[in-house]
């Protein structure tokens, strides 16, 4: 379970996911050899993806939204993921509880050289609708993630130009610090990322608005070693600084059992 969790937990952010919309990042390699010589792009290349979950399989998560008064609402979701040989990432989110949102589903299909697709199904309406254009950058289901961020609609590697800043310590861990400037249309002027040098795990990501002020902060918390001795975050927290709200994601269960392609179809969204 530990190794599966390491393969699935990641940074969402941005997708930014921007994709869920991006989310905790799992390193492709670790170690500090040649650290001083690494470019910003090389550091990004050692971080795999920007969505909250990745790989093949499924997970049960708790998604907690907190308003500016500190009041929380807990939701339980099932997440199904699959990656095709051509690089296409497929993800289905399904709300299990509470009752007023149970059955709500979000399907996203990204990468693979094709146009990204995001579909939302709400049981109360009894039909699905496509999320496109500027709506992909609006908030998803009252969370502090956008549809794009929660779905993995874009990546830091593909959609941002990276610049390496001076290294810093964060919580006692030495970090590379990167400034990422969007190369495509974005609500953010730039993004600042702290990457743990030893494990290439982003520990914190700040999103700056056009006025140069911090708009949102994404943190990977509760880092623990799994059964293979690899560090991984068990909690993901996105804070909207301006709104005073917060969204917390905790992974409850993981399965590496392959998921049928049937789950990643618009037809499946209507299934009760």
Protein backbone atom coordinates (compact mmCIF):
# COMPACT_ATOMS: atom_id res chain seq x y z
CA UNK A 1 0.00 0.00 0.00
CA UNK A 2 2.84 2.36 0.78
CA UNK A 3 4.40 2.07 -2.66
CA UNK A 4 1.03 2.51 -4.34
CA UNK A 5 0.34 5.59 -2.28
CA UNK A 6 3.69 7.05 -3.24
CA UNK A 7 2.84 6.51 -6.89
CA UNK A 8 -0.53 8.16 -6.50
CA UNK A 9 -0.08 11.11 -4.14
CA UNK A 10 1.12 14.34 -5.76
CA UNK A 11 0.92 18.06 -6.15
CA UNK A 12 -2.18 19.29 -7.91
CA UNK A 13 -1.80 22.56 -8.33
CA UNK A 14 -1.98 24.29 -10.68
CA UNK A 15 -2.94 22.96 -13.72
CA UNK A 16 -2.80 23.98 -13.43
CA UNK A 17 -4.83 20.66 -11.08
CA UNK A 18 -3.35 23.54 -12.44
CA UNK A 19 -4.47 20.32 -13.00
CA UNK A 20 -7.24 19.06 -8.88
CA UNK A 21 -6.62 20.91 -10.07
CA UNK A 22 -2.35 19.59 -10.06
CA UNK A 23 -1.88 18.52 -6.11
CA UNK A 24 1.49 16.22 -4.04
CA UNK A 25 4.36 15.51 -6.42
CA UNK A 26 6.35 12.31 -6.35
CA UNK A 27 10.04 12.45 -7.32
CA UNK A 28 11.43 10.56 -10.27
CA UNK A 29 14.90 10.66 -8.74
CA UNK A 30 16.54 11.76 -5.50
CA UNK A 31 19.94 12.72 -4.19
CA UNK A 32 21.96 15.93 -4.17
CA UNK A 33 24.75 15.02 -6.54
CA UNK A 34 25.44 17.99 -8.79
CA UNK A 35 22.72 19.98 -7.03
CA UNK A 36 24.50 23.29 -7.52
CA UNK A 37 24.64 22.70 -11.28
CA UNK A 38 20.98 21.80 -11.82
CA UNK A 39 18.97 24.22 -13.91
CA UNK A 40 15.38 25.12 -13.12
CA UNK A 41 14.17 22.91 -15.96
CA UNK A 42 16.24 19.95 -14.75
CA UNK A 43 14.68 20.30 -11.31
CA UNK A 44 11.19 20.30 -12.85
CA UNK A 45 12.13 17.23 -14.90
CA UNK A 46 12.78 15.35 -11.65
CA UNK A 47 9.25 16.02 -10.47
CA UNK A 48 6.61 13.83 -12.07
CA UNK A 49 3.48 15.73 -13.01
CA UNK A 50 1.29 18.27 -11.25
CA UNK A 51 -1.99 16.53 -10.55
CA UNK A 52 -3.16 15.42 -7.16
CA UNK A 53 -3.14 11.72 -8.02
CA UNK A 54 -1.36 9.89 -10.79
CA UNK A 55 -0.69 6.40 -12.09
CA UNK A 56 -3.19 3.59 -12.56
CA UNK A 57 -5.72 2.46 -10.00
CA UNK A 58 -8.12 4.08 -7.58
CA UNK A 59 -8.20 5.86 -4.25
CA UNK A 60 -10.70 6.96 -1.64
CA UNK A 61 -10.05 10.47 -0.35
CA UNK A 62 -11.51 12.86 2.18
CA UNK A 63 -11.93 16.38 0.83
CA UNK A 64 -12.53 19.03 3.50
CA UNK A 65 -13.59 22.58 2.68
CA UNK A 66 -13.15 25.30 5.32
CA UNK A 67 -14.79 28.72 5.12
CA UNK A 68 -13.36 31.98 6.45
CA UNK A 69 -15.08 31.40 9.80
CA UNK A 70 -13.25 28.09 10.21
CA UNK A 71 -16.36 25.96 9.64
CA UNK A 72 -15.57 22.72 7.84
CA UNK A 73 -17.50 20.38 5.56
CA UNK A 74 -16.21 16.88 4.89
CA UNK A 75 -16.75 15.06 1.60
CA UNK A 76 -15.75 11.54 0.66
CA UNK A 77 -14.75 10.86 -2.96
CA UNK A 78 -13.57 7.98 -5.08
CA UNK A 79 -10.82 8.74 -7.60
CA UNK A 80 -10.15 6.50 -10.60
CA UNK A 81 -7.00 6.99 -12.70
CA UNK A 82 -5.48 5.47 -15.82
CA UNK A 83 -2.64 6.41 -18.16
CA UNK A 84 -2.59 5.16 -21.75
CA UNK A 85 0.53 4.22 -23.68
CA UNK A 86 0.24 7.41 -25.76
CA UNK A 87 0.48 9.58 -22.64
CA UNK A 88 -3.24 10.26 -22.25
CA UNK A 89 -4.22 10.75 -18.60
CA UNK A 90 -7.77 9.83 -17.60
CA UNK A 91 -9.35 10.66 -14.26
CA UNK A 92 -12.81 10.24 -12.78
CA UNK A 93 -13.83 11.84 -9.48
CA UNK A 94 -17.07 10.65 -7.86
CA UNK A 95 -18.61 12.09 -4.72
CA UNK A 96 -19.76 9.36 -2.31
CA UNK A 97 -21.01 11.60 0.51
CA UNK A 98 -22.65 13.67 1.89
CA UNK A 99 -26.02 12.85 0.38
CA UNK A 100 -26.62 16.25 -1.25
CA UNK A 101 -23.61 15.83 -3.55
CA UNK A 102 -23.40 12.02 -3.79
CA UNK A 103 -23.26 10.87 -7.41
CA UNK A 104 -21.66 14.07 -8.70
CA UNK A 105 -18.87 13.09 -11.11
CA UNK A 106 -16.03 14.89 -12.88
CA UNK A 107 -14.36 13.23 -15.86
CA UNK A 108 -11.13 14.59 -17.31
CA UNK A 109 -9.09 13.35 -20.26
CA UNK A 110 -5.81 15.18 -20.87
CA UNK A 111 -2.52 14.78 -22.72
CA UNK A 112 -1.75 12.37 -25.51
CA UNK A 113 -1.57 15.17 -28.07
CA UNK A 114 -5.31 15.79 -27.95
CA UNK A 115 -7.50 18.61 -26.70
CA UNK A 116 -8.25 18.31 -23.00
CA UNK A 117 -11.81 17.35 -22.04
CA UNK A 118 -13.53 18.02 -18.72
CA UNK A 119 -17.10 16.83 -18.12
CA UNK A 120 -19.24 17.46 -15.03
CA UNK A 121 -22.31 15.37 -14.14
CA UNK A 122 -24.73 16.52 -11.43
CA UNK A 123 -27.53 14.08 -10.44
CA UNK A 124 -29.98 16.93 -9.76
CA UNK A 125 -29.76 17.95 -13.42
CA UNK A 126 -29.63 14.40 -14.74
CA UNK A 127 -27.18 15.26 -17.48
CA UNK A 128 -23.53 16.05 -18.07
CA UNK A 129 -22.03 19.27 -19.37
CA UNK A 130 -18.60 20.09 -20.71
CA UNK A 131 -16.38 22.51 -18.80
CA UNK A 132 -14.42 24.56 -21.32
CA UNK A 133 -12.81 27.93 -21.96
CA UNK A 134 -12.47 30.33 -19.05
CA UNK A 135 -14.78 28.16 -16.92
CA UNK A 136 -11.92 25.68 -16.47
CA UNK A 137 -10.26 28.32 -14.27
CA UNK A 138 -13.29 28.72 -12.00
CA UNK A 139 -13.56 26.97 -8.63
CA UNK A 140 -14.64 23.34 -8.54
CA UNK A 141 -17.56 22.43 -6.24
CA UNK A 142 -16.84 25.09 -3.64
CA UNK A 143 -13.19 24.08 -3.22
CA UNK A 144 -10.09 26.26 -3.58
CA UNK A 145 -9.02 24.25 -6.65
CA UNK A 146 -10.05 25.17 -10.16
CA UNK A 147 -11.49 22.61 -12.58
CA UNK A 148 -8.20 22.78 -14.45
CA UNK A 149 -6.15 22.19 -11.31
CA UNK A 150 -8.27 19.30 -10.11
CA UNK A 151 -8.21 17.58 -13.48
CA UNK A 152 -4.57 17.98 -14.50
CA UNK A 153 -5.41 20.12 -17.51
CA UNK A 154 -1.90 21.53 -17.82
CA UNK A 155 1.54 21.01 -16.33
CA UNK A 156 4.33 23.18 -15.01
CA UNK A 157 6.76 21.67 -17.52
CA UNK A 158 4.58 22.44 -20.53
CA UNK A 159 2.88 25.66 -19.50
CA UNK A 160 5.48 27.55 -17.48
CA UNK A 161 8.94 28.99 -18.02
CA UNK A 162 11.14 28.14 -15.03
CA UNK A 163 13.79 30.28 -13.34
CA UNK A 164 15.93 29.10 -10.44
CA UNK A 165 16.16 31.44 -7.44
CA UNK A 166 18.44 31.23 -4.39
CA UNK A 167 18.00 28.07 -2.32
CA UNK A 168 16.16 28.37 1.00
CA UNK A 169 15.33 26.26 4.05
CA UNK A 170 11.68 25.44 4.70
CA UNK A 171 10.71 23.71 7.92
CA UNK A 172 14.28 22.53 8.41
CA UNK A 173 14.56 21.08 4.89
CA UNK A 174 16.86 22.52 2.25
CA UNK A 175 14.92 23.53 -0.84
CA UNK A 176 15.44 24.60 -4.41
CA UNK A 177 13.30 27.65 -5.10
CA UNK A 178 11.79 28.13 -8.55
CA UNK A 179 9.89 31.01 -10.11
CA UNK A 180 7.51 29.78 -12.82
CA UNK A 181 6.05 32.23 -15.32
CA UNK A 182 3.06 31.04 -17.39
CA UNK A 183 3.67 30.72 -21.12
CA UNK A 184 -0.06 30.35 -21.80
CA UNK A 185 -3.11 32.29 -20.61
CA UNK A 186 -3.37 32.09 -16.82
CA UNK A 187 -4.97 33.80 -13.83
CA UNK A 188 -1.55 33.86 -12.19
CA UNK A 189 1.31 36.26 -12.92
CA UNK A 190 3.80 33.70 -11.65
CA UNK A 191 4.20 30.74 -9.31
CA UNK A 192 6.89 30.21 -6.67
CA UNK A 193 7.80 26.65 -5.73
CA UNK A 194 9.91 25.22 -2.90
CA UNK A 195 11.29 21.78 -3.84
CA UNK A 196 12.91 19.58 -1.17
CA UNK A 197 16.47 19.04 -2.42
CA UNK A 198 16.90 15.53 -1.03
CA UNK A 199 13.69 14.06 -2.45
CA UNK A 200 12.55 16.46 -5.20
CA UNK A 201 9.14 16.84 -3.55
CA UNK A 202 7.50 20.29 -3.77
CA UNK A 203 6.76 21.30 -0.17
CA UNK A 204 5.03 24.59 -0.91
CA UNK A 205 3.73 26.43 -3.96
CA UNK A 206 2.60 30.06 -3.93
CA UNK A 207 0.41 31.47 -6.69
CA UNK A 208 0.72 35.22 -7.33
CA UNK A 209 -1.94 37.40 -8.94
CA UNK A 210 -1.39 40.14 -11.49
CA UNK A 211 -0.76 42.66 -8.68
CA UNK A 212 2.15 40.59 -7.39
CA UNK A 213 0.31 39.46 -4.26
CA UNK A 214 -0.02 35.87 -3.05
CA UNK A 215 -3.42 34.57 -4.11
CA UNK A 216 -3.23 30.91 -3.12
CA UNK A 217 -0.80 28.62 -1.29
CA UNK A 218 -0.51 24.86 -1.82
CA UNK A 219 1.27 22.84 0.88
CA UNK A 220 2.28 19.17 1.06
CA UNK A 221 2.04 18.19 4.71
CA UNK A 222 2.54 15.22 7.04
CA UNK A 223 5.47 13.73 5.13
CA UNK A 224 6.12 10.12 6.10
CA UNK A 225 8.29 7.26 4.88
CA UNK A 226 6.47 4.46 3.13
CA UNK A 227 7.33 0.76 3.30
CA UNK A 228 10.13 1.28 0.76
CA UNK A 229 11.70 4.11 2.73
CA UNK A 230 10.55 6.83 0.34
CA UNK A 231 9.11 10.06 1.67
CA UNK A 232 5.59 11.03 0.66
CA UNK A 233 3.04 13.65 1.75
CA UNK A 234 -0.20 12.29 3.21
CA UNK A 235 -2.09 15.59 3.27
CA UNK A 236 -2.53 18.28 0.64
CA UNK A 237 -3.75 21.75 1.62
CA UNK A 238 -4.75 24.60 -0.68
CA UNK A 239 -5.41 27.99 0.94
CA UNK A 240 -7.07 30.94 -0.79
CA UNK A 241 -5.35 33.84 0.95
CA UNK A 242 -7.70 36.53 -0.34
CA UNK A 243 -10.90 34.63 0.47
CA UNK A 244 -9.66 33.20 3.77
CA UNK A 245 -10.78 29.70 2.78
CA UNK A 246 -9.00 26.37 2.69
CA UNK A 247 -9.32 22.93 1.08
CA UNK A 248 -7.68 19.86 2.62
CA UNK A 249 -7.26 16.51 0.87
CA UNK A 250 -6.39 13.31 2.73
CA UNK A 251 -5.84 9.93 1.09
CA UNK A 252 -7.78 7.22 2.97
CA UNK A 253 -7.40 4.09 0.83
CA UNK A 254 -5.42 3.04 -2.24
CA UNK A 255 -5.87 0.25 -4.79
CA UNK A 256 -3.57 -0.68 -7.68
CA UNK A 257 -6.27 -2.79 -9.34
CA UNK A 258 -6.60 -1.72 -13.00
CA UNK A 259 -9.63 0.42 -13.82
CA UNK A 260 -11.83 -0.42 -16.81
CA UNK A 261 -11.86 2.09 -19.68
CA UNK A 262 -15.64 2.16 -19.25
CA UNK A 263 -15.19 4.46 -16.24
CA UNK A 264 -13.66 7.16 -18.43
CA UNK A 265 -16.61 7.69 -20.77
CA UNK A 266 -19.39 10.28 -20.82
CA UNK A 267 -21.88 7.40 -20.82
CA UNK A 268 -20.58 6.18 -17.46
CA UNK A 269 -21.24 9.60 -15.89
CA UNK A 270 -24.98 8.96 -16.09
CA UNK A 271 -24.74 5.60 -14.35
CA UNK A 272 -26.26 5.63 -10.87
